[in-house]
Amino acid sequence: MATVSLTGASEEDAATVFGVLRTAFPTDRPPDDLPQEQPGDRTAVWTAEFQPTQEWIPTGPIPLEGSVSATLQGGYVAVDRLREALGAAFAVQERGTASGDQEKEADLRLGTKR
């Protein structure tokens, strides 16, 4: 399993990103569990876990209203597969990575492919 956390996004963009990943990989969230804004001044963070499998169906480019910050965290292979799936649908800018013995974390900025 790998964790995906999204920030700096509208709930529509968060739903779009999670929709792409949900199409590609099994997740811990039911299909009707969509991101929802919470009242207050806090920055929204949406999180879901995915099981990146060897085989997945890539999607074509999908537009976003704005940019989305995504943090991927998990095993090396899992994070790489999630990044690959996101790269098929969105423009991906890698902002940083951190590696450990068993896990990897990647900070990405997602946008609409041009």
C-alpha atoms as a PDB file:
ATOM      1  CA  MET A   1       0.000   0.000   0.000  1.00  0.00           C
ATOM      2  CA  ALA A   2       1.028   3.579  -0.606  1.00  0.00           C
ATOM      3  CA  THR A   3      -0.477   6.769   0.755  1.00  0.00           C
ATOM      4  CA  VAL A   4      -1.413   9.736  -1.422  1.00  0.00           C
ATOM      5  CA  SER A   5      -2.042  13.099   0.266  1.00  0.00           C
ATOM      6  CA  LEU A   6      -3.354  16.064  -1.729  1.00  0.00           C
ATOM      7  CA  THR A   7      -3.218  19.733  -0.699  1.00  0.00           C
ATOM      8  CA  GLY A   8      -3.711  23.082  -2.380  1.00  0.00           C
ATOM      9  CA  ALA A   9      -6.525  21.735  -4.520  1.00  0.00           C
ATOM     10  CA  SER A  10     -10.206  22.357  -4.965  1.00  0.00           C
ATOM     11  CA  GLU A  11     -12.393  19.443  -3.979  1.00  0.00           C
ATOM     12  CA  GLU A  12     -13.124  18.923  -7.699  1.00  0.00           C
ATOM     13  CA  ASP A  13      -9.422  18.644  -8.555  1.00  0.00           C
ATOM     14  CA  ALA A  14      -8.824  16.325  -5.594  1.00  0.00           C
ATOM     15  CA  ALA A  15     -11.710  14.141  -6.795  1.00  0.00           C
ATOM     16  CA  THR A  16     -10.215  14.133 -10.318  1.00  0.00           C
ATOM     17  CA  VAL A  17      -6.776  13.027  -9.099  1.00  0.00           C
ATOM     18  CA  PHE A  18      -8.217  10.346  -6.826  1.00  0.00           C
ATOM     19  CA  GLY A  19     -10.504   9.243  -9.682  1.00  0.00           C
ATOM     20  CA  VAL A  20      -7.494   8.628 -11.939  1.00  0.00           C
ATOM     21  CA  LEU A  21      -5.759   6.613  -9.228  1.00  0.00           C
ATOM     22  CA  ARG A  22      -8.965   4.754  -8.318  1.00  0.00           C
ATOM     23  CA  THR A  23      -9.357   3.718 -11.973  1.00  0.00           C
ATOM     24  CA  ALA A  24      -5.793   2.416 -12.032  1.00  0.00           C
ATOM     25  CA  PHE A  25      -5.430   0.774  -8.609  1.00  0.00           C
ATOM     26  CA  PRO A  26      -7.417  -0.700  -5.707  1.00  0.00           C
ATOM     27  CA  THR A  27      -7.993   1.768  -2.863  1.00  0.00           C
ATOM     28  CA  ASP A  28      -9.147   1.821   0.754  1.00  0.00           C
ATOM     29  CA  ARG A  29     -11.967   4.249  -0.157  1.00  0.00           C
ATOM     30  CA  PRO A  30     -15.426   3.280  -1.440  1.00  0.00           C
ATOM     31  CA  PRO A  31     -16.340   4.628  -4.919  1.00  0.00           C
ATOM     32  CA  ASP A  32     -18.832   7.150  -3.507  1.00  0.00           C
ATOM     33  CA  ASP A  33     -16.309   8.619  -1.015  1.00  0.00           C
ATOM     34  CA  LEU A  34     -15.498  11.972  -2.631  1.00  0.00           C
ATOM     35  CA  PRO A  35     -13.387  14.788  -1.169  1.00  0.00           C
ATOM     36  CA  GLN A  36     -15.477  17.413   0.604  1.00  0.00           C
ATOM     37  CA  GLU A  37     -14.512  20.837   1.913  1.00  0.00           C
ATOM     38  CA  GLN A  38     -14.737  21.228   5.672  1.00  0.00           C
ATOM     39  CA  PRO A  39     -15.848  24.501   7.275  1.00  0.00           C
ATOM     40  CA  GLY A  40     -13.150  26.749   8.698  1.00  0.00           C
ATOM     41  CA  ASP A  41      -9.898  28.381   7.679  1.00  0.00           C
ATOM     42  CA  ARG A  42      -7.702  25.293   7.676  1.00  0.00           C
ATOM     43  CA  THR A  43      -6.007  24.025   4.549  1.00  0.00           C
ATOM     44  CA  ALA A  44      -7.718  20.879   3.310  1.00  0.00           C
ATOM     45  CA  VAL A  45      -5.647  17.702   3.073  1.00  0.00           C
ATOM     46  CA  TRP A  46      -7.189  14.693   1.364  1.00  0.00           C
ATOM     47  CA  THR A  47      -5.604  11.292   1.890  1.00  0.00           C
ATOM     48  CA  ALA A  48      -6.222   7.813   0.493  1.00  0.00           C
ATOM     49  CA  GLU A  49      -4.297   4.567   0.314  1.00  0.00           C
ATOM     50  CA  PHE A  50      -3.758   2.681  -2.923  1.00  0.00           C
ATOM     51  CA  GLN A  51      -2.378  -0.746  -3.765  1.00  0.00           C
ATOM     52  CA  PRO A  52      -0.326  -0.120  -6.923  1.00  0.00           C
ATOM     53  CA  THR A  53      -0.422  -3.320  -8.937  1.00  0.00           C
ATOM     54  CA  GLN A  54       1.856  -4.354 -11.766  1.00  0.00           C
ATOM     55  CA  GLU A  55      -0.861  -3.993 -14.364  1.00  0.00           C
ATOM     56  CA  TRP A  56      -3.006  -0.904 -14.639  1.00  0.00           C
ATOM     57  CA  ILE A  57      -5.006   0.855 -17.309  1.00  0.00           C
ATOM     58  CA  PRO A  58      -3.450   4.228 -18.142  1.00  0.00           C
ATOM     59  CA  THR A  59      -5.702   7.190 -18.739  1.00  0.00           C
ATOM     60  CA  GLY A  60      -5.187   9.974 -21.209  1.00  0.00           C
ATOM     61  CA  PRO A  61      -4.626  13.611 -20.234  1.00  0.00           C
ATOM     62  CA  ILE A  62      -7.258  14.981 -17.875  1.00  0.00           C
ATOM     63  CA  PRO A  63      -7.640  18.720 -17.165  1.00  0.00           C
ATOM     64  CA  LEU A  64      -7.395  20.246 -13.695  1.00  0.00           C
ATOM     65  CA  GLU A  65      -8.798  23.635 -12.681  1.00  0.00           C
ATOM     66  CA  GLY A  66      -5.550  24.519 -10.900  1.00  0.00           C
ATOM     67  CA  SER A  67      -2.424  22.870  -9.609  1.00  0.00           C
ATOM     68  CA  VAL A  68      -2.428  20.167  -6.953  1.00  0.00           C
ATOM     69  CA  SER A  69       0.314  19.283  -4.468  1.00  0.00           C
ATOM     70  CA  ALA A  70       0.605  15.527  -4.044  1.00  0.00           C
ATOM     71  CA  THR A  71       2.737  13.612  -1.564  1.00  0.00           C
ATOM     72  CA  LEU A  72       3.242   9.929  -2.325  1.00  0.00           C
ATOM     73  CA  GLN A  73       4.580   7.726   0.455  1.00  0.00           C
ATOM     74  CA  GLY A  74       5.244   4.005   0.491  1.00  0.00           C
ATOM     75  CA  GLY A  75       7.542   1.339  -0.894  1.00  0.00           C
ATOM     76  CA  TYR A  76       9.821   2.275  -3.774  1.00  0.00           C
ATOM     77  CA  VAL A  77       7.915   0.285  -6.409  1.00  0.00           C
ATOM     78  CA  ALA A  78       4.516   1.477  -5.167  1.00  0.00           C
ATOM     79  CA  VAL A  79       5.498   5.150  -5.254  1.00  0.00           C
ATOM     80  CA  ASP A  80       7.024   4.770  -8.718  1.00  0.00           C
ATOM     81  CA  ARG A  81       3.841   3.133 -10.061  1.00  0.00           C
ATOM     82  CA  LEU A  82       1.649   5.848  -8.586  1.00  0.00           C
ATOM     83  CA  ARG A  83       3.865   8.515 -10.128  1.00  0.00           C
ATOM     84  CA  GLU A  84       3.726   6.759 -13.499  1.00  0.00           C
ATOM     85  CA  ALA A  85      -0.092   6.627 -13.378  1.00  0.00           C
ATOM     86  CA  LEU A  86      -0.284  10.315 -12.443  1.00  0.00           C
ATOM     87  CA  GLY A  87       2.175  11.166 -15.236  1.00  0.00           C
ATOM     88  CA  ALA A  88      -0.115   9.541 -17.805  1.00  0.00           C
ATOM     89  CA  ALA A  89      -2.962  11.895 -16.855  1.00  0.00           C
ATOM     90  CA  PHE A  90      -1.285  15.084 -15.614  1.00  0.00           C
ATOM     91  CA  ALA A  91       1.786  17.237 -16.037  1.00  0.00           C
ATOM     92  CA  VAL A  92       3.995  16.200 -13.116  1.00  0.00           C
ATOM     93  CA  GLN A  93       6.735  18.340 -11.624  1.00  0.00           C
ATOM     94  CA  GLU A  94       8.837  16.591  -8.997  1.00  0.00           C
ATOM     95  CA  ARG A  95       9.531  18.989  -6.134  1.00  0.00           C
ATOM     96  CA  GLY A  96      11.538  16.634  -3.948  1.00  0.00           C
ATOM     97  CA  THR A  97      12.038  13.099  -2.741  1.00  0.00           C
ATOM     98  CA  ALA A  98      13.191  11.447   0.451  1.00  0.00           C
ATOM     99  CA  SER A  99      14.351   7.844   0.604  1.00  0.00           C
ATOM    100  CA  GLY A 100      14.795   5.417   3.443  1.00  0.00           C
ATOM    101  CA  ASP A 101      15.605   1.736   3.768  1.00  0.00           C
ATOM    102  CA  GLN A 102      12.130   0.505   2.872  1.00  0.00           C
ATOM    103  CA  GLU A 103      10.129   3.573   1.876  1.00  0.00           C
ATOM    104  CA  LYS A 104      10.206   6.541  -0.407  1.00  0.00           C
ATOM    105  CA  GLU A 105       8.363   9.847  -0.310  1.00  0.00           C
ATOM    106  CA  ALA A 106       7.853  12.010  -3.383  1.00  0.00           C
ATOM    107  CA  ASP A 107       6.461  15.551  -3.393  1.00  0.00           C
ATOM    108  CA  LEU A 108       4.844  16.417  -6.705  1.00  0.00           C
ATOM    109  CA  ARG A 109       3.029  19.332  -8.304  1.00  0.00           C
ATOM    110  CA  LEU A 110       0.286  18.178 -10.683  1.00  0.00           C
ATOM    111  CA  GLY A 111      -1.215  20.292 -13.434  1.00  0.00           C
ATOM    112  CA  THR A 112      -2.953  20.004 -16.777  1.00  0.00           C
ATOM    113  CA  LYS A 113      -0.863  18.558 -19.596  1.00  0.00           C
ATOM    114  CA  ARG A 114      -0.323  21.068 -22.387  1.00  0.00           C
END
